[in-house]
Amino acid sequence: MTDRLPQTSRADAVENRERILNAGRALFFADGLDVPMREVARRAGVGPATLYRHFPSKQALVTEAFADQLHACRVVVDEGCADPDPWRGLCLVIEKICELHAHDQGFTEALLATYPGVKDVSAGREYTVGAVAELAQRAKAAGRLRPDFVLDDLILMLMANKGIRATSTATRVKASRRFSGLVIRAFEALPAARTAPASGTTGINIA
């Protein structure tokens, strides 16, 4: 019996931590970062003491809640920057970032928001923005990215992609892929004429 208690306690602690993180992600995405910690505890089904034992501050919770999204974003950006063809690399970044959001609707919130006092998140965002800006400059120099492109255009793209609504993840991903393809055409310098995408119902709404 003595040997089982520590194992049970550890399992409960891991479960509580995951419940808190899941609750935090859902609430931060739906209502922003002004959500009180007591509401996170209530959603997770734990007491305030348990919440603060795992996350002593809201900053600590935010950092952990968005760690996976920011890491995934960095991996995508690094992959795009490593491509010797900067336009192809930029296209890859656009496609994969849009798809990441389609799978995880908290992704754009993590990427676009600025979190005062949360150094890890701010540093991750700064790295991503800087790397994409450099990649865009290389694509411009290669004559593939339209010369009037500015980084805010990419931010607008992410905000629009965030507005995709669908009844299933598969439908949302399909719509996001179509959207990223249209964006790439719009960003390309002097794009060759292409056949317009076939019209039809996609099952999505743009908020």
Protein backbone atom coordinates (compact mmCIF):
# COMPACT_ATOMS: atom_id res chain seq x y z
CA MET A 1 0.00 0.00 0.00
CA THR A 2 2.84 2.39 0.87
CA ASP A 3 4.45 1.81 -2.54
CA ARG A 4 1.21 2.53 -4.41
CA LEU A 5 0.44 5.92 -2.85
CA PRO A 6 3.32 7.90 -4.41
CA GLN A 7 2.54 6.39 -7.82
CA THR A 8 -1.13 7.33 -7.48
CA SER A 9 -0.21 10.84 -6.39
CA ARG A 10 2.12 11.30 -9.35
CA ALA A 11 -0.55 10.06 -11.78
CA ASP A 12 -3.11 12.46 -10.27
CA ALA A 13 -0.65 15.34 -10.52
CA VAL A 14 0.02 14.63 -14.21
CA GLU A 15 -3.69 14.37 -14.92
CA ASN A 16 -4.42 17.63 -13.08
CA ARG A 17 -1.68 19.43 -14.96
CA GLU A 18 -3.06 18.29 -18.32
CA ARG A 19 -6.59 19.30 -17.34
CA ILE A 20 -5.36 22.75 -16.34
CA LEU A 21 -3.44 23.19 -19.60
CA ASN A 22 -6.41 22.07 -21.70
CA ALA A 23 -8.73 24.40 -19.83
CA GLY A 24 -6.29 27.28 -20.17
CA ARG A 25 -5.87 26.78 -23.91
CA ALA A 26 -9.62 26.64 -24.48
CA LEU A 27 -10.36 29.73 -22.39
CA PHE A 28 -7.45 31.82 -23.68
CA PHE A 29 -8.50 31.09 -27.25
CA ALA A 30 -12.17 31.83 -26.66
CA ASP A 31 -11.91 34.83 -24.33
CA GLY A 32 -8.33 36.11 -24.52
CA LEU A 33 -5.74 36.36 -21.79
CA ASP A 34 -7.92 38.36 -19.42
CA VAL A 35 -9.60 35.16 -18.23
CA PRO A 36 -9.20 34.93 -14.42
CA MET A 37 -7.15 32.07 -13.07
CA ARG A 38 -10.10 31.03 -10.94
CA GLU A 39 -12.09 30.43 -14.14
CA VAL A 40 -9.30 28.21 -15.45
CA ALA A 41 -9.40 26.24 -12.19
CA ARG A 42 -13.18 25.93 -12.41
CA ARG A 43 -13.07 24.70 -16.02
CA ALA A 44 -10.32 22.21 -15.14
CA GLY A 45 -12.23 20.93 -12.12
CA VAL A 46 -9.43 21.64 -9.65
CA GLY A 47 -9.04 23.96 -6.68
CA PRO A 48 -7.04 27.21 -6.79
CA ALA A 49 -4.31 25.66 -4.65
CA THR A 50 -3.82 22.85 -7.17
CA LEU A 51 -3.75 25.34 -10.04
CA TYR A 52 -1.09 27.55 -8.43
CA ARG A 53 0.95 24.55 -7.34
CA HIS A 54 1.42 23.67 -11.02
CA PHE A 55 1.47 27.21 -12.41
CA PRO A 56 2.46 29.90 -9.86
CA SER A 57 1.36 32.71 -12.22
CA LYS A 58 -0.76 33.31 -15.29
CA GLN A 59 2.43 34.05 -17.24
CA ALA A 60 3.70 30.55 -16.45
CA LEU A 61 0.41 29.02 -17.62
CA VAL A 62 0.34 31.03 -20.85
CA THR A 63 3.93 30.07 -21.66
CA GLU A 64 3.21 26.38 -21.21
CA ALA A 65 -0.21 26.48 -22.89
CA PHE A 66 1.17 27.86 -26.15
CA ALA A 67 4.56 26.13 -26.15
CA ASP A 68 3.57 23.42 -28.64
CA GLN A 69 2.10 25.88 -31.15
CA LEU A 70 5.10 28.17 -31.06
CA HIS A 71 7.51 25.27 -31.39
CA ALA A 72 5.56 23.93 -34.37
CA CYS A 73 5.68 27.37 -35.97
CA ARG A 74 9.43 27.62 -35.49
CA VAL A 75 9.96 24.20 -37.10
CA VAL A 76 7.93 25.30 -40.14
CA VAL A 77 9.78 28.61 -40.46
CA ASP A 78 13.18 26.92 -40.12
CA GLU A 79 12.23 24.43 -42.83
CA GLY A 80 11.17 27.23 -45.16
CA CYS A 81 14.31 29.29 -44.52
CA ALA A 82 16.52 26.26 -45.19
CA ASP A 83 15.16 25.85 -48.72
CA PRO A 84 17.71 27.21 -51.25
CA ASP A 85 14.76 28.59 -53.28
CA PRO A 86 13.35 31.41 -51.10
CA TRP A 87 10.03 31.59 -52.95
CA ARG A 88 9.47 27.87 -52.55
CA GLY A 89 10.42 28.21 -48.89
CA LEU A 90 7.98 31.06 -48.38
CA CYS A 91 5.20 29.10 -50.07
CA LEU A 92 5.90 26.20 -47.74
CA VAL A 93 5.69 28.50 -44.70
CA ILE A 94 2.37 29.93 -45.88
CA GLU A 95 0.86 26.52 -46.60
CA LYS A 96 2.01 24.82 -43.40
CA ILE A 97 1.20 27.70 -41.05
CA CYS A 98 -2.32 27.91 -42.47
CA GLU A 99 -2.71 24.17 -42.02
CA LEU A 100 -1.38 24.29 -38.47
CA HIS A 101 -4.10 26.75 -37.60
CA ALA A 102 -6.75 24.63 -39.30
CA HIS A 103 -5.78 21.75 -37.01
CA ASP A 104 -5.40 23.91 -33.88
CA GLN A 105 -7.48 27.04 -33.66
CA GLY A 106 -5.41 28.41 -30.82
CA PHE A 107 -2.37 28.59 -33.07
CA THR A 108 -2.99 32.01 -34.62
CA GLU A 109 -3.80 33.46 -31.21
CA ALA A 110 -0.42 32.28 -29.95
CA LEU A 111 1.44 33.56 -32.98
CA LEU A 112 -0.15 36.99 -33.34
CA ALA A 113 -0.72 38.03 -29.76
CA THR A 114 1.80 39.88 -27.62
CA TYR A 115 1.95 38.64 -24.04
CA PRO A 116 3.34 41.23 -21.62
CA GLY A 117 5.77 39.67 -19.19
CA VAL A 118 5.88 36.31 -20.95
CA LYS A 119 9.45 36.33 -22.27
CA ASP A 120 9.48 32.86 -23.82
CA VAL A 121 6.39 33.55 -25.93
CA SER A 122 7.53 37.05 -26.93
CA ALA A 123 10.97 35.74 -27.93
CA GLY A 124 9.43 32.95 -30.00
CA ARG A 125 7.15 35.37 -31.80
CA GLU A 126 10.03 37.80 -32.45
CA TYR A 127 12.16 35.00 -33.91
CA THR A 128 9.34 33.83 -36.19
CA VAL A 129 8.53 37.31 -37.47
CA GLY A 130 12.19 38.13 -38.10
CA ALA A 131 12.89 34.87 -39.93
CA VAL A 132 9.84 35.22 -42.19
CA ALA A 133 10.73 38.85 -42.95
CA GLU A 134 14.24 37.78 -44.02
CA LEU A 135 12.83 34.95 -46.14
CA ALA A 136 10.43 37.40 -47.82
CA GLN A 137 13.29 39.75 -48.64
CA ARG A 138 15.18 36.91 -50.29
CA ALA A 139 12.10 35.96 -52.32
CA LYS A 140 11.76 39.59 -53.45
CA ALA A 141 15.42 39.71 -54.46
CA ALA A 142 14.87 36.54 -56.52
CA GLY A 143 12.02 38.30 -58.34
CA ARG A 144 9.36 35.83 -57.19
CA LEU A 145 7.59 37.80 -54.45
CA ARG A 146 5.74 40.94 -55.49
CA PRO A 147 7.81 44.02 -54.63
CA ASP A 148 5.02 45.78 -52.72
CA PHE A 149 4.63 42.89 -50.25
CA VAL A 150 4.94 43.88 -46.60
CA LEU A 151 4.93 41.65 -43.55
CA ASP A 152 1.52 42.99 -42.53
CA ASP A 153 0.12 41.19 -45.59
CA LEU A 154 1.10 37.90 -43.99
CA ILE A 155 -0.53 38.97 -40.72
CA LEU A 156 -3.75 39.78 -42.60
CA MET A 157 -3.57 36.34 -44.21
CA LEU A 158 -3.33 34.66 -40.82
CA MET A 159 -6.23 36.69 -39.46
CA ALA A 160 -8.37 35.72 -42.47
CA ASN A 161 -7.38 32.07 -42.15
CA LYS A 162 -8.38 32.23 -38.49
CA GLY A 163 -11.88 33.16 -39.61
CA ILE A 164 -12.49 29.87 -41.43
CA ARG A 165 -15.31 27.96 -39.79
CA ALA A 166 -16.33 24.41 -40.64
CA THR A 167 -18.25 21.51 -39.18
CA SER A 168 -15.20 19.24 -39.10
CA THR A 169 -11.43 19.51 -38.93
CA ALA A 170 -11.07 17.77 -42.31
CA THR A 171 -13.31 20.35 -43.99
CA ARG A 172 -11.46 23.20 -42.27
CA VAL A 173 -8.08 21.84 -43.41
CA LYS A 174 -9.34 21.46 -46.99
CA ALA A 175 -10.62 25.04 -46.99
CA SER A 176 -7.39 26.31 -45.47
CA ARG A 177 -5.31 24.62 -48.16
CA ARG A 178 -7.44 26.22 -50.85
CA PHE A 179 -7.13 29.60 -49.15
CA SER A 180 -3.33 29.36 -48.84
CA GLY A 181 -3.12 28.52 -52.55
CA LEU A 182 -5.08 31.64 -53.44
CA VAL A 183 -2.87 33.73 -51.14
CA ILE A 184 0.29 32.40 -52.78
CA ARG A 185 -1.06 33.40 -56.19
CA ALA A 186 -1.78 36.89 -54.88
CA PHE A 187 1.71 37.25 -53.40
CA GLU A 188 3.59 36.01 -56.45
CA ALA A 189 5.29 38.59 -58.67
CA LEU A 190 3.71 38.68 -62.13
CA PRO A 191 1.96 35.31 -61.78
CA ALA A 192 1.24 33.43 -64.98
CA ALA A 193 -2.40 33.10 -65.94
CA ARG A 194 -4.02 30.11 -64.32
CA THR A 195 -7.37 28.45 -64.48
CA ALA A 196 -9.62 29.75 -61.72
CA PRO A 197 -10.57 27.21 -59.04
CA ALA A 198 -13.84 25.43 -59.70
CA SER A 199 -16.81 26.99 -57.95
CA GLY A 200 -18.91 24.99 -55.54
CA THR A 201 -19.97 24.65 -51.94
CA THR A 202 -17.10 24.11 -49.52
CA GLY A 203 -19.14 23.80 -46.34
CA ILE A 204 -17.31 26.65 -44.62
CA ASN A 205 -18.12 30.16 -43.46
CA ILE A 206 -15.74 33.10 -43.24
CA ALA A 207 -16.25 34.98 -39.95
